[in-house]
């Protein structure tokens, strides 16, 4: 697990909500990355002044047809995998809601 901050800056918003969203993304990356894999978390300020928080991992990835539905409450790609690794199926729905409340966007790429 690697954390990188490319710039000193301040982040405005509801601290507990932002912590919940950011920790959920890291937790998901760790949960779905096999042993020996890599999870990299970065914070940077974009040229236009916006901040970007990114979580990247070397997990198995997600098929393109599932990506649009990942933020739906209780959506599961593979129900058996979810039971093995825990989770409620609400994490990314909560992250999306928090992002919207803070005027930001959640981008998911695989």
PDB file of N, CA and C in Angstrom:
ATOM      1  N   UNK A   1       0.864  -1.170   0.000  1.00  0.00           N
ATOM      2  CA  UNK A   1       0.000   0.000   0.000  1.00  0.00           C
ATOM      3  C   UNK A   1       0.904   1.223   0.000  1.00  0.00           C
ATOM      4  N   UNK A   2       0.725   2.071  -1.005  1.00  0.00           N
ATOM      5  CA  UNK A   2       1.560   3.262  -1.153  1.00  0.00           C
ATOM      6  C   UNK A   2       0.675   4.501  -1.203  1.00  0.00           C
ATOM      7  N   UNK A   3       1.039   5.535  -0.435  1.00  0.00           N
ATOM      8  CA  UNK A   3       0.338   6.811  -0.454  1.00  0.00           C
ATOM      9  C   UNK A   3       1.287   7.870  -1.001  1.00  0.00           C
ATOM     10  N   UNK A   4       0.782   8.682  -1.931  1.00  0.00           N
ATOM     11  CA  UNK A   4       1.581   9.751  -2.507  1.00  0.00           C
ATOM     12  C   UNK A   4       0.752  11.026  -2.557  1.00  0.00           C
ATOM     13  N   UNK A   5       1.344  12.123  -2.087  1.00  0.00           N
ATOM     14  CA  UNK A   5       0.706  13.428  -2.197  1.00  0.00           C
ATOM     15  C   UNK A   5       1.630  14.291  -3.030  1.00  0.00           C
ATOM     16  N   UNK A   6       1.126  14.775  -4.151  1.00  0.00           N
ATOM     17  CA  UNK A   6       1.970  15.547  -5.058  1.00  0.00           C
ATOM     18  C   UNK A   6       1.990  17.032  -4.731  1.00  0.00           C
ATOM     19  N   UNK A   7       1.109  17.473  -3.813  1.00  0.00           N
ATOM     20  CA  UNK A   7       1.075  18.896  -3.487  1.00  0.00           C
ATOM     21  C   UNK A   7       0.451  19.093  -2.116  1.00  0.00           C
ATOM     22  N   UNK A   8       0.935  20.105  -1.402  1.00  0.00           N
ATOM     23  CA  UNK A   8       0.280  20.467  -0.154  1.00  0.00           C
ATOM     24  C   UNK A   8      -0.942  21.287  -0.507  1.00  0.00           C
ATOM     25  N   UNK A   9      -2.047  20.947   0.116  1.00  0.00           N
ATOM     26  CA  UNK A   9      -3.284  21.663  -0.153  1.00  0.00           C
ATOM     27  C   UNK A   9      -4.264  21.381   0.964  1.00  0.00           C
ATOM     28  N   UNK A  10      -5.382  22.077   0.917  1.00  0.00           N
ATOM     29  CA  UNK A  10      -6.445  21.857   1.885  1.00  0.00           C
ATOM     30  C   UNK A  10      -7.669  21.365   1.141  1.00  0.00           C
ATOM     31  N   UNK A  11      -8.473  20.586   1.836  1.00  0.00           N
ATOM     32  CA  UNK A  11      -9.674  20.016   1.257  1.00  0.00           C
ATOM     33  C   UNK A  11     -10.857  20.486   2.082  1.00  0.00           C
ATOM     34  N   UNK A  12     -11.844  21.084   1.433  1.00  0.00           N
ATOM     35  CA  UNK A  12     -13.032  21.563   2.131  1.00  0.00           C
ATOM     36  C   UNK A  12     -14.145  20.539   2.012  1.00  0.00           C
ATOM     37  N   UNK A  13     -14.904  20.395   3.088  1.00  0.00           N
ATOM     38  CA  UNK A  13     -16.038  19.486   3.063  1.00  0.00           C
ATOM     39  C   UNK A  13     -16.307  18.928   4.443  1.00  0.00           C
ATOM     40  N   UNK A  14     -17.230  18.000   4.504  1.00  0.00           N
ATOM     41  CA  UNK A  14     -17.584  17.340   5.757  1.00  0.00           C
ATOM     42  C   UNK A  14     -16.530  16.267   6.043  1.00  0.00           C
ATOM     43  N   UNK A  15     -15.699  16.480   7.042  1.00  0.00           N
ATOM     44  CA  UNK A  15     -14.576  15.563   7.287  1.00  0.00           C
ATOM     45  C   UNK A  15     -14.972  14.096   7.418  1.00  0.00           C
ATOM     46  N   UNK A  16     -16.022  13.799   8.165  1.00  0.00           N
ATOM     47  CA  UNK A  16     -16.382  12.389   8.353  1.00  0.00           C
ATOM     48  C   UNK A  16     -16.870  11.760   7.052  1.00  0.00           C
ATOM     49  N   UNK A  17     -17.577  12.533   6.237  1.00  0.00           N
ATOM     50  CA  UNK A  17     -18.038  12.004   4.951  1.00  0.00           C
ATOM     51  C   UNK A  17     -16.869  11.763   4.012  1.00  0.00           C
ATOM     52  N   UNK A  18     -15.954  12.717   3.942  1.00  0.00           N
ATOM     53  CA  UNK A  18     -14.801  12.568   3.059  1.00  0.00           C
ATOM     54  C   UNK A  18     -13.931  11.400   3.504  1.00  0.00           C
ATOM     55  N   UNK A  19     -13.739  11.252   4.810  1.00  0.00           N
ATOM     56  CA  UNK A  19     -12.958  10.125   5.316  1.00  0.00           C
ATOM     57  C   UNK A  19     -13.647   8.810   4.977  1.00  0.00           C
ATOM     58  N   UNK A  20     -14.961   8.765   5.089  1.00  0.00           N
ATOM     59  CA  UNK A  20     -15.714   7.558   4.765  1.00  0.00           C
ATOM     60  C   UNK A  20     -15.538   7.187   3.297  1.00  0.00           C
ATOM     61  N   UNK A  21     -15.681   8.164   2.420  1.00  0.00           N
ATOM     62  CA  UNK A  21     -15.558   7.902   0.982  1.00  0.00           C
ATOM     63  C   UNK A  21     -14.146   7.452   0.620  1.00  0.00           C
ATOM     64  N   UNK A  22     -13.153   8.180   1.108  1.00  0.00           N
ATOM     65  CA  UNK A  22     -11.771   7.857   0.768  1.00  0.00           C
ATOM     66  C   UNK A  22     -11.356   6.496   1.335  1.00  0.00           C
ATOM     67  N   UNK A  23     -11.742   6.214   2.569  1.00  0.00           N
ATOM     68  CA  UNK A  23     -11.356   4.932   3.162  1.00  0.00           C
ATOM     69  C   UNK A  23     -12.094   3.780   2.495  1.00  0.00           C
ATOM     70  N   UNK A  24     -13.320   4.011   2.037  1.00  0.00           N
ATOM     71  CA  UNK A  24     -14.053   2.955   1.338  1.00  0.00           C
ATOM     72  C   UNK A  24     -13.345   2.570   0.048  1.00  0.00           C
ATOM     73  N   UNK A  25     -12.869   3.557  -0.686  1.00  0.00           N
ATOM     74  CA  UNK A  25     -12.171   3.268  -1.943  1.00  0.00           C
ATOM     75  C   UNK A  25     -10.887   2.482  -1.692  1.00  0.00           C
ATOM     76  N   UNK A  26     -10.148   2.860  -0.654  1.00  0.00           N
ATOM     77  CA  UNK A  26      -8.915   2.140  -0.322  1.00  0.00           C
ATOM     78  C   UNK A  26      -9.246   0.725   0.151  1.00  0.00           C
ATOM     79  N   UNK A  27     -10.258   0.604   0.981  1.00  0.00           N
ATOM     80  CA  UNK A  27     -10.660  -0.706   1.495  1.00  0.00           C
ATOM     81  C   UNK A  27     -11.061  -1.647   0.360  1.00  0.00           C
ATOM     82  N   UNK A  28     -11.824  -1.138  -0.597  1.00  0.00           N
ATOM     83  CA  UNK A  28     -12.213  -1.967  -1.748  1.00  0.00           C
ATOM     84  C   UNK A  28     -10.990  -2.422  -2.533  1.00  0.00           C
ATOM     85  N   UNK A  29     -10.065  -1.512  -2.746  1.00  0.00           N
ATOM     86  CA  UNK A  29      -8.861  -1.863  -3.508  1.00  0.00           C
ATOM     87  C   UNK A  29      -8.078  -2.956  -2.793  1.00  0.00           C
ATOM     88  N   UNK A  30      -7.938  -2.826  -1.496  1.00  0.00           N
ATOM     89  CA  UNK A  30      -7.213  -3.843  -0.730  1.00  0.00           C
ATOM     90  C   UNK A  30      -7.974  -5.169  -0.766  1.00  0.00           C
ATOM     91  N   UNK A  31      -9.281  -5.114  -0.587  1.00  0.00           N
ATOM     92  CA  UNK A  31     -10.105  -6.322  -0.544  1.00  0.00           C
ATOM     93  C   UNK A  31     -10.007  -7.134  -1.837  1.00  0.00           C
ATOM     94  N   UNK A  32      -9.964  -6.459  -2.960  1.00  0.00           N
ATOM     95  CA  UNK A  32     -10.009  -7.164  -4.246  1.00  0.00           C
ATOM     96  C   UNK A  32      -8.664  -7.273  -4.948  1.00  0.00           C
ATOM     97  N   UNK A  33      -7.585  -6.914  -4.268  1.00  0.00           N
ATOM     98  CA  UNK A  33      -6.245  -7.089  -4.830  1.00  0.00           C
ATOM     99  C   UNK A  33      -5.610  -8.312  -4.182  1.00  0.00           C
ATOM    100  N   UNK A  34      -5.210  -9.286  -4.986  1.00  0.00           N
ATOM    101  CA  UNK A  34      -4.616 -10.499  -4.411  1.00  0.00           C
ATOM    102  C   UNK A  34      -3.301 -10.205  -3.690  1.00  0.00           C
ATOM    103  N   UNK A  35      -2.915 -11.116  -2.795  1.00  0.00           N
ATOM    104  CA  UNK A  35      -1.641 -10.997  -2.095  1.00  0.00           C
ATOM    105  C   UNK A  35      -0.510 -10.774  -3.082  1.00  0.00           C
ATOM    106  N   UNK A  36       0.400  -9.899  -2.739  1.00  0.00           N
ATOM    107  CA  UNK A  36       1.512  -9.581  -3.624  1.00  0.00           C
ATOM    108  C   UNK A  36       1.180  -8.483  -4.618  1.00  0.00           C
ATOM    109  N   UNK A  37      -0.105  -8.098  -4.667  1.00  0.00           N
ATOM    110  CA  UNK A  37      -0.524  -7.018  -5.568  1.00  0.00           C
ATOM    111  C   UNK A  37      -0.171  -5.665  -4.981  1.00  0.00           C
ATOM    112  N   UNK A  38      -0.540  -4.636  -5.696  1.00  0.00           N
ATOM    113  CA  UNK A  38      -0.183  -3.277  -5.294  1.00  0.00           C
ATOM    114  C   UNK A  38      -1.411  -2.381  -5.287  1.00  0.00           C
ATOM    115  N   UNK A  39      -1.513  -1.545  -4.254  1.00  0.00           N
ATOM    116  CA  UNK A  39      -2.545  -0.515  -4.158  1.00  0.00           C
ATOM    117  C   UNK A  39      -1.818   0.816  -4.001  1.00  0.00           C
ATOM    118  N   UNK A  40      -2.124   1.766  -4.871  1.00  0.00           N
ATOM    119  CA  UNK A  40      -1.477   3.083  -4.842  1.00  0.00           C
ATOM    120  C   UNK A  40      -2.552   4.145  -4.702  1.00  0.00           C
ATOM    121  N   UNK A  41      -2.403   4.997  -3.688  1.00  0.00           N
ATOM    122  CA  UNK A  41      -3.338   6.088  -3.423  1.00  0.00           C
ATOM    123  C   UNK A  41      -2.592   7.396  -3.662  1.00  0.00           C
ATOM    124  N   UNK A  42      -3.178   8.274  -4.486  1.00  0.00           N
ATOM    125  CA  UNK A  42      -2.522   9.556  -4.766  1.00  0.00           C
ATOM    126  C   UNK A  42      -3.487  10.720  -4.571  1.00  0.00           C
ATOM    127  N   UNK A  43      -2.920  11.837  -4.174  1.00  0.00           N
ATOM    128  CA  UNK A  43      -3.645  13.105  -4.097  1.00  0.00           C
ATOM    129  C   UNK A  43      -2.824  14.106  -4.885  1.00  0.00           C
ATOM    130  N   UNK A  44      -3.489  14.827  -5.774  1.00  0.00           N
ATOM    131  CA  UNK A  44      -2.766  15.864  -6.513  1.00  0.00           C
ATOM    132  C   UNK A  44      -3.715  17.002  -6.836  1.00  0.00           C
ATOM    133  N   UNK A  45      -3.143  18.150  -7.086  1.00  0.00           N
ATOM    134  CA  UNK A  45      -3.902  19.321  -7.502  1.00  0.00           C
ATOM    135  C   UNK A  45      -3.740  19.437  -9.010  1.00  0.00           C
ATOM    136  N   UNK A  46      -4.860  19.481  -9.707  1.00  0.00           N
ATOM    137  CA  UNK A  46      -4.852  19.582 -11.165  1.00  0.00           C
ATOM    138  C   UNK A  46      -4.524  21.009 -11.596  1.00  0.00           C
ATOM    139  N   UNK A  47      -4.108  21.209 -12.855  1.00  0.00           N
ATOM    140  CA  UNK A  47      -3.750  22.559 -13.319  1.00  0.00           C
ATOM    141  C   UNK A  47      -4.861  23.594 -13.137  1.00  0.00           C
ATOM    142  N   UNK A  48      -6.126  23.150 -13.163  1.00  0.00           N
ATOM    143  CA  UNK A  48      -7.229  24.102 -12.995  1.00  0.00           C
ATOM    144  C   UNK A  48      -7.575  24.357 -11.526  1.00  0.00           C
ATOM    145  N   UNK A  49      -6.792  23.784 -10.599  1.00  0.00           N
ATOM    146  CA  UNK A  49      -6.990  24.030  -9.180  1.00  0.00           C
ATOM    147  C   UNK A  49      -7.839  22.986  -8.464  1.00  0.00           C
ATOM    148  N   UNK A  50      -8.489  22.114  -9.204  1.00  0.00           N
ATOM    149  CA  UNK A  50      -9.275  21.046  -8.570  1.00  0.00           C
ATOM    150  C   UNK A  50      -8.340  19.982  -8.019  1.00  0.00           C
ATOM    151  N   UNK A  51      -8.810  19.266  -7.013  1.00  0.00           N
ATOM    152  CA  UNK A  51      -8.030  18.174  -6.453  1.00  0.00           C
ATOM    153  C   UNK A  51      -8.466  16.848  -7.056  1.00  0.00           C
ATOM    154  N   UNK A  52      -7.535  15.909  -7.081  1.00  0.00           N
ATOM    155  CA  UNK A  52      -7.850  14.562  -7.565  1.00  0.00           C
ATOM    156  C   UNK A  52      -7.311  13.546  -6.571  1.00  0.00           C
ATOM    157  N   UNK A  53      -8.219  12.713  -6.063  1.00  0.00           N
ATOM    158  CA  UNK A  53      -7.885  11.604  -5.177  1.00  0.00           C
ATOM    159  C   UNK A  53      -8.055  10.350  -6.018  1.00  0.00           C
ATOM    160  N   UNK A  54      -7.022   9.563  -6.137  1.00  0.00           N
ATOM    161  CA  UNK A  54      -7.083   8.376  -6.993  1.00  0.00           C
ATOM    162  C   UNK A  54      -6.600   7.156  -6.226  1.00  0.00           C
ATOM    163  N   UNK A  55      -7.304   6.053  -6.457  1.00  0.00           N
ATOM    164  CA  UNK A  55      -6.907   4.768  -5.875  1.00  0.00           C
ATOM    165  C   UNK A  55      -6.770   3.805  -7.048  1.00  0.00           C
ATOM    166  N   UNK A  56      -5.585   3.261  -7.205  1.00  0.00           N
ATOM    167  CA  UNK A  56      -5.318   2.309  -8.284  1.00  0.00           C
ATOM    168  C   UNK A  56      -4.801   1.014  -7.677  1.00  0.00           C
ATOM    169  N   UNK A  57      -5.176  -0.097  -8.304  1.00  0.00           N
ATOM    170  CA  UNK A  57      -4.715  -1.377  -7.777  1.00  0.00           C
ATOM    171  C   UNK A  57      -4.422  -2.329  -8.915  1.00  0.00           C
ATOM    172  N   UNK A  58      -3.798  -3.445  -8.568  1.00  0.00           N
ATOM    173  CA  UNK A  58      -3.444  -4.461  -9.556  1.00  0.00           C
ATOM    174  C   UNK A  58      -4.349  -5.683  -9.426  1.00  0.00           C
ATOM    175  N   UNK A  59      -5.571  -5.453  -8.942  1.00  0.00           N
ATOM    176  CA  UNK A  59      -6.554  -6.534  -8.822  1.00  0.00           C
ATOM    177  C   UNK A  59      -6.995  -7.023 -10.184  1.00  0.00           C
ATOM    178  N   UNK A  60      -7.925  -7.985 -10.207  1.00  0.00           N
ATOM    179  CA  UNK A  60      -8.338  -8.623 -11.460  1.00  0.00           C
ATOM    180  C   UNK A  60      -9.108  -7.721 -12.418  1.00  0.00           C
ATOM    181  N   UNK A  61      -9.577  -6.589 -11.958  1.00  0.00           N
ATOM    182  CA  UNK A  61     -10.321  -5.697 -12.832  1.00  0.00           C
ATOM    183  C   UNK A  61     -11.800  -6.046 -12.874  1.00  0.00           C
ATOM    184  N   UNK A  62     -12.542  -5.202 -13.569  1.00  0.00           N
ATOM    185  CA  UNK A  62     -13.990  -5.335 -13.655  1.00  0.00           C
ATOM    186  C   UNK A  62     -14.379  -5.244 -15.126  1.00  0.00           C
ATOM    187  N   UNK A  63     -15.213  -6.170 -15.581  1.00  0.00           N
ATOM    188  CA  UNK A  63     -15.663  -6.150 -16.976  1.00  0.00           C
ATOM    189  C   UNK A  63     -16.442  -4.868 -17.252  1.00  0.00           C
ATOM    190  N   UNK A  64     -16.265  -4.327 -18.440  1.00  0.00           N
ATOM    191  CA  UNK A  64     -16.856  -3.044 -18.819  1.00  0.00           C
ATOM    192  C   UNK A  64     -18.357  -2.979 -18.605  1.00  0.00           C
ATOM    193  N   UNK A  65     -19.060  -4.080 -18.811  1.00  0.00           N
ATOM    194  CA  UNK A  65     -20.526  -4.031 -18.692  1.00  0.00           C
ATOM    195  C   UNK A  65     -20.990  -3.811 -17.247  1.00  0.00           C
ATOM    196  N   UNK A  66     -20.121  -4.066 -16.275  1.00  0.00           N
ATOM    197  CA  UNK A  66     -20.506  -3.888 -14.875  1.00  0.00           C
ATOM    198  C   UNK A  66     -20.236  -2.471 -14.358  1.00  0.00           C
ATOM    199  N   UNK A  67     -19.337  -1.758 -14.961  1.00  0.00           N
ATOM    200  CA  UNK A  67     -18.913  -0.459 -14.434  1.00  0.00           C
ATOM    201  C   UNK A  67     -20.070   0.528 -14.253  1.00  0.00           C
ATOM    202  N   UNK A  68     -20.991   0.673 -15.208  1.00  0.00           N
ATOM    203  CA  UNK A  68     -22.079   1.642 -15.001  1.00  0.00           C
ATOM    204  C   UNK A  68     -22.976   1.326 -13.800  1.00  0.00           C
ATOM    205  N   UNK A  69     -22.996   0.083 -13.362  1.00  0.00           N
ATOM    206  CA  UNK A  69     -23.893  -0.304 -12.274  1.00  0.00           C
ATOM    207  C   UNK A  69     -23.205  -0.408 -10.907  1.00  0.00           C
ATOM    208  N   UNK A  70     -21.905  -0.217 -10.855  1.00  0.00           N
ATOM    209  CA  UNK A  70     -21.155  -0.419  -9.608  1.00  0.00           C
ATOM    210  C   UNK A  70     -21.620   0.464  -8.457  1.00  0.00           C
ATOM    211  N   UNK A  71     -22.178   1.619  -8.756  1.00  0.00           N
ATOM    212  CA  UNK A  71     -22.602   2.525  -7.686  1.00  0.00           C
ATOM    213  C   UNK A  71     -24.072   2.330  -7.306  1.00  0.00           C
ATOM    214  N   UNK A  72     -24.722   1.330  -7.863  1.00  0.00           N
ATOM    215  CA  UNK A  72     -26.096   1.008  -7.456  1.00  0.00           C
ATOM    216  C   UNK A  72     -26.054   0.305  -6.106  1.00  0.00           C
ATOM    217  N   UNK A  73     -26.995   0.625  -5.249  1.00  0.00           N
ATOM    218  CA  UNK A  73     -27.048  -0.041  -3.946  1.00  0.00           C
ATOM    219  C   UNK A  73     -27.230  -1.537  -4.126  1.00  0.00           C
ATOM    220  N   UNK A  74     -26.433  -2.306  -3.408  1.00  0.00           N
ATOM    221  CA  UNK A  74     -26.483  -3.769  -3.353  1.00  0.00           C
ATOM    222  C   UNK A  74     -26.092  -4.470  -4.655  1.00  0.00           C
ATOM    223  N   UNK A  75     -25.587  -3.725  -5.653  1.00  0.00           N
ATOM    224  CA  UNK A  75     -25.183  -4.376  -6.907  1.00  0.00           C
ATOM    225  C   UNK A  75     -23.957  -5.245  -6.651  1.00  0.00           C
ATOM    226  N   UNK A  76     -23.994  -6.456  -7.165  1.00  0.00           N
ATOM    227  CA  UNK A  76     -22.879  -7.395  -7.018  1.00  0.00           C
ATOM    228  C   UNK A  76     -22.474  -7.911  -8.391  1.00  0.00           C
ATOM    229  N   UNK A  77     -21.186  -7.939  -8.649  1.00  0.00           N
ATOM    230  CA  UNK A  77     -20.690  -8.538  -9.882  1.00  0.00           C
ATOM    231  C   UNK A  77     -20.734 -10.047  -9.740  1.00  0.00           C
ATOM    232  N   UNK A  78     -20.258 -10.503  -8.599  1.00  0.00           N
ATOM    233  CA  UNK A  78     -20.171 -11.943  -8.335  1.00  0.00           C
ATOM    234  C   UNK A  78     -20.584 -12.151  -6.883  1.00  0.00           C
ATOM    235  N   UNK A  79     -21.784 -12.664  -6.661  1.00  0.00           N
ATOM    236  CA  UNK A  79     -22.299 -12.809  -5.296  1.00  0.00           C
ATOM    237  C   UNK A  79     -21.416 -13.694  -4.424  1.00  0.00           C
ATOM    238  N   UNK A  80     -20.820 -14.728  -4.980  1.00  0.00           N
ATOM    239  CA  UNK A  80     -19.984 -15.604  -4.160  1.00  0.00           C
ATOM    240  C   UNK A  80     -18.718 -14.888  -3.727  1.00  0.00           C
ATOM    241  N   UNK A  81     -18.137 -14.093  -4.605  1.00  0.00           N
ATOM    242  CA  UNK A  81     -16.930 -13.353  -4.243  1.00  0.00           C
ATOM    243  C   UNK A  81     -17.241 -12.349  -3.135  1.00  0.00           C
ATOM    244  N   UNK A  82     -18.424 -11.743  -3.180  1.00  0.00           N
ATOM    245  CA  UNK A  82     -18.808 -10.770  -2.167  1.00  0.00           C
ATOM    246  C   UNK A  82     -18.905 -11.420  -0.803  1.00  0.00           C
ATOM    247  N   UNK A  83     -19.464 -12.613  -0.738  1.00  0.00           N
ATOM    248  CA  UNK A  83     -19.590 -13.306   0.547  1.00  0.00           C
ATOM    249  C   UNK A  83     -18.218 -13.667   1.102  1.00  0.00           C
ATOM    250  N   UNK A  84     -17.308 -14.048   0.236  1.00  0.00           N
ATOM    251  CA  UNK A  84     -15.971 -14.433   0.679  1.00  0.00           C
ATOM    252  C   UNK A  84     -15.207 -13.260   1.268  1.00  0.00           C
ATOM    253  N   UNK A  85     -15.372 -12.081   0.672  1.00  0.00           N
ATOM    254  CA  UNK A  85     -14.559 -10.934   1.064  1.00  0.00           C
ATOM    255  C   UNK A  85     -15.277  -9.975   1.997  1.00  0.00           C
ATOM    256  N   UNK A  86     -16.548 -10.203   2.259  1.00  0.00           N
ATOM    257  CA  UNK A  86     -17.300  -9.297   3.122  1.00  0.00           C
ATOM    258  C   UNK A  86     -17.858  -8.133   2.329  1.00  0.00           C
ATOM    259  N   UNK A  87     -18.425  -7.185   3.018  1.00  0.00           N
ATOM    260  CA  UNK A  87     -19.012  -6.025   2.367  1.00  0.00           C
ATOM    261  C   UNK A  87     -20.510  -6.174   2.232  1.00  0.00           C
ATOM    262  N   UNK A  88     -21.176  -5.022   2.085  1.00  0.00           N
ATOM    263  CA  UNK A  88     -22.635  -5.004   2.032  1.00  0.00           C
ATOM    264  C   UNK A  88     -23.185  -4.684   0.658  1.00  0.00           C
ATOM    265  N   UNK A  89     -22.330  -4.236  -0.251  1.00  0.00           N
ATOM    266  CA  UNK A  89     -22.826  -3.794  -1.549  1.00  0.00           C
ATOM    267  C   UNK A  89     -23.285  -2.350  -1.527  1.00  0.00           C
ATOM    268  N   UNK A  90     -22.984  -1.639  -0.452  1.00  0.00           N
ATOM    269  CA  UNK A  90     -23.387  -0.232  -0.328  1.00  0.00           C
ATOM    270  C   UNK A  90     -22.223   0.737  -0.479  1.00  0.00           C
ATOM    271  N   UNK A  91     -20.999   0.252  -0.376  1.00  0.00           N
ATOM    272  CA  UNK A  91     -19.826   1.128  -0.317  1.00  0.00           C
ATOM    273  C   UNK A  91     -19.723   2.137  -1.441  1.00  0.00           C
ATOM    274  N   UNK A  92     -19.770   1.689  -2.678  1.00  0.00           N
ATOM    275  CA  UNK A  92     -19.607   2.621  -3.801  1.00  0.00           C
ATOM    276  C   UNK A  92     -20.832   3.504  -3.981  1.00  0.00           C
ATOM    277  N   UNK A  93     -22.003   3.027  -3.566  1.00  0.00           N
ATOM    278  CA  UNK A  93     -23.203   3.877  -3.603  1.00  0.00           C
ATOM    279  C   UNK A  93     -23.030   5.033  -2.622  1.00  0.00           C
ATOM    280  N   UNK A  94     -22.471   4.744  -1.463  1.00  0.00           N
ATOM    281  CA  UNK A  94     -22.214   5.784  -0.467  1.00  0.00           C
ATOM    282  C   UNK A  94     -21.153   6.748  -0.971  1.00  0.00           C
ATOM    283  N   UNK A  95     -20.091   6.220  -1.561  1.00  0.00           N
ATOM    284  CA  UNK A  95     -19.029   7.082  -2.116  1.00  0.00           C
ATOM    285  C   UNK A  95     -19.609   8.022  -3.169  1.00  0.00           C
ATOM    286  N   UNK A  96     -20.444   7.502  -4.053  1.00  0.00           N
ATOM    287  CA  UNK A  96     -21.052   8.334  -5.102  1.00  0.00           C
ATOM    288  C   UNK A  96     -21.914   9.434  -4.475  1.00  0.00           C
ATOM    289  N   UNK A  97     -22.694   9.089  -3.473  1.00  0.00           N
ATOM    290  CA  UNK A  97     -23.555  10.065  -2.810  1.00  0.00           C
ATOM    291  C   UNK A  97     -22.716  11.167  -2.155  1.00  0.00           C
ATOM    292  N   UNK A  98     -21.652  10.781  -1.473  1.00  0.00           N
ATOM    293  CA  UNK A  98     -20.770  11.763  -0.827  1.00  0.00           C
ATOM    294  C   UNK A  98     -20.117  12.659  -1.878  1.00  0.00           C
ATOM    295  N   UNK A  99     -19.669  12.067  -2.963  1.00  0.00           N
ATOM    296  CA  UNK A  99     -19.050  12.860  -4.040  1.00  0.00           C
ATOM    297  C   UNK A  99     -20.044  13.888  -4.574  1.00  0.00           C
ATOM    298  N   UNK A 100     -21.276  13.471  -4.812  1.00  0.00           N
ATOM    299  CA  UNK A 100     -22.293  14.394  -5.313  1.00  0.00           C
ATOM    300  C   UNK A 100     -22.573  15.515  -4.320  1.00  0.00           C
ATOM    301  N   UNK A 101     -22.645  15.175  -3.033  1.00  0.00           N
ATOM    302  CA  UNK A 101     -22.898  16.191  -1.998  1.00  0.00           C
ATOM    303  C   UNK A 101     -21.779  17.237  -1.939  1.00  0.00           C
ATOM    304  N   UNK A 102     -20.577  16.846  -2.367  1.00  0.00           N
ATOM    305  CA  UNK A 102     -19.443  17.763  -2.334  1.00  0.00           C
ATOM    306  C   UNK A 102     -19.143  18.361  -3.705  1.00  0.00           C
ATOM    307  N   UNK A 103     -20.036  18.172  -4.650  1.00  0.00           N
ATOM    308  CA  UNK A 103     -19.861  18.786  -5.979  1.00  0.00           C
ATOM    309  C   UNK A 103     -18.727  18.194  -6.781  1.00  0.00           C
ATOM    310  N   UNK A 104     -18.441  16.925  -6.547  1.00  0.00           N
ATOM    311  CA  UNK A 104     -17.352  16.263  -7.274  1.00  0.00           C
ATOM    312  C   UNK A 104     -17.901  15.100  -8.079  1.00  0.00           C
ATOM    313  N   UNK A 105     -17.015  14.415  -8.751  1.00  0.00           N
ATOM    314  CA  UNK A 105     -17.435  13.256  -9.525  1.00  0.00           C
ATOM    315  C   UNK A 105     -16.635  12.023  -9.095  1.00  0.00           C
ATOM    316  N   UNK A 106     -17.269  10.874  -9.277  1.00  0.00           N
ATOM    317  CA  UNK A 106     -16.606   9.603  -9.035  1.00  0.00           C
ATOM    318  C   UNK A 106     -16.407   8.955 -10.397  1.00  0.00           C
ATOM    319  N   UNK A 107     -15.152   8.722 -10.753  1.00  0.00           N
ATOM    320  CA  UNK A 107     -14.831   8.037 -12.010  1.00  0.00           C
ATOM    321  C   UNK A 107     -14.295   6.669 -11.680  1.00  0.00           C
ATOM    322  N   UNK A 108     -14.832   5.661 -12.363  1.00  0.00           N
ATOM    323  CA  UNK A 108     -14.370   4.297 -12.153  1.00  0.00           C
ATOM    324  C   UNK A 108     -13.866   3.774 -13.492  1.00  0.00           C
ATOM    325  N   UNK A 109     -12.619   3.338 -13.505  1.00  0.00           N
ATOM    326  CA  UNK A 109     -12.008   2.793 -14.713  1.00  0.00           C
ATOM    327  C   UNK A 109     -11.436   1.429 -14.382  1.00  0.00           C
ATOM    328  N   UNK A 110     -11.438   0.543 -15.373  1.00  0.00           N
ATOM    329  CA  UNK A 110     -10.847  -0.763 -15.161  1.00  0.00           C
ATOM    330  C   UNK A 110     -10.239  -1.233 -16.475  1.00  0.00           C
TER     331      UNK A 110
END
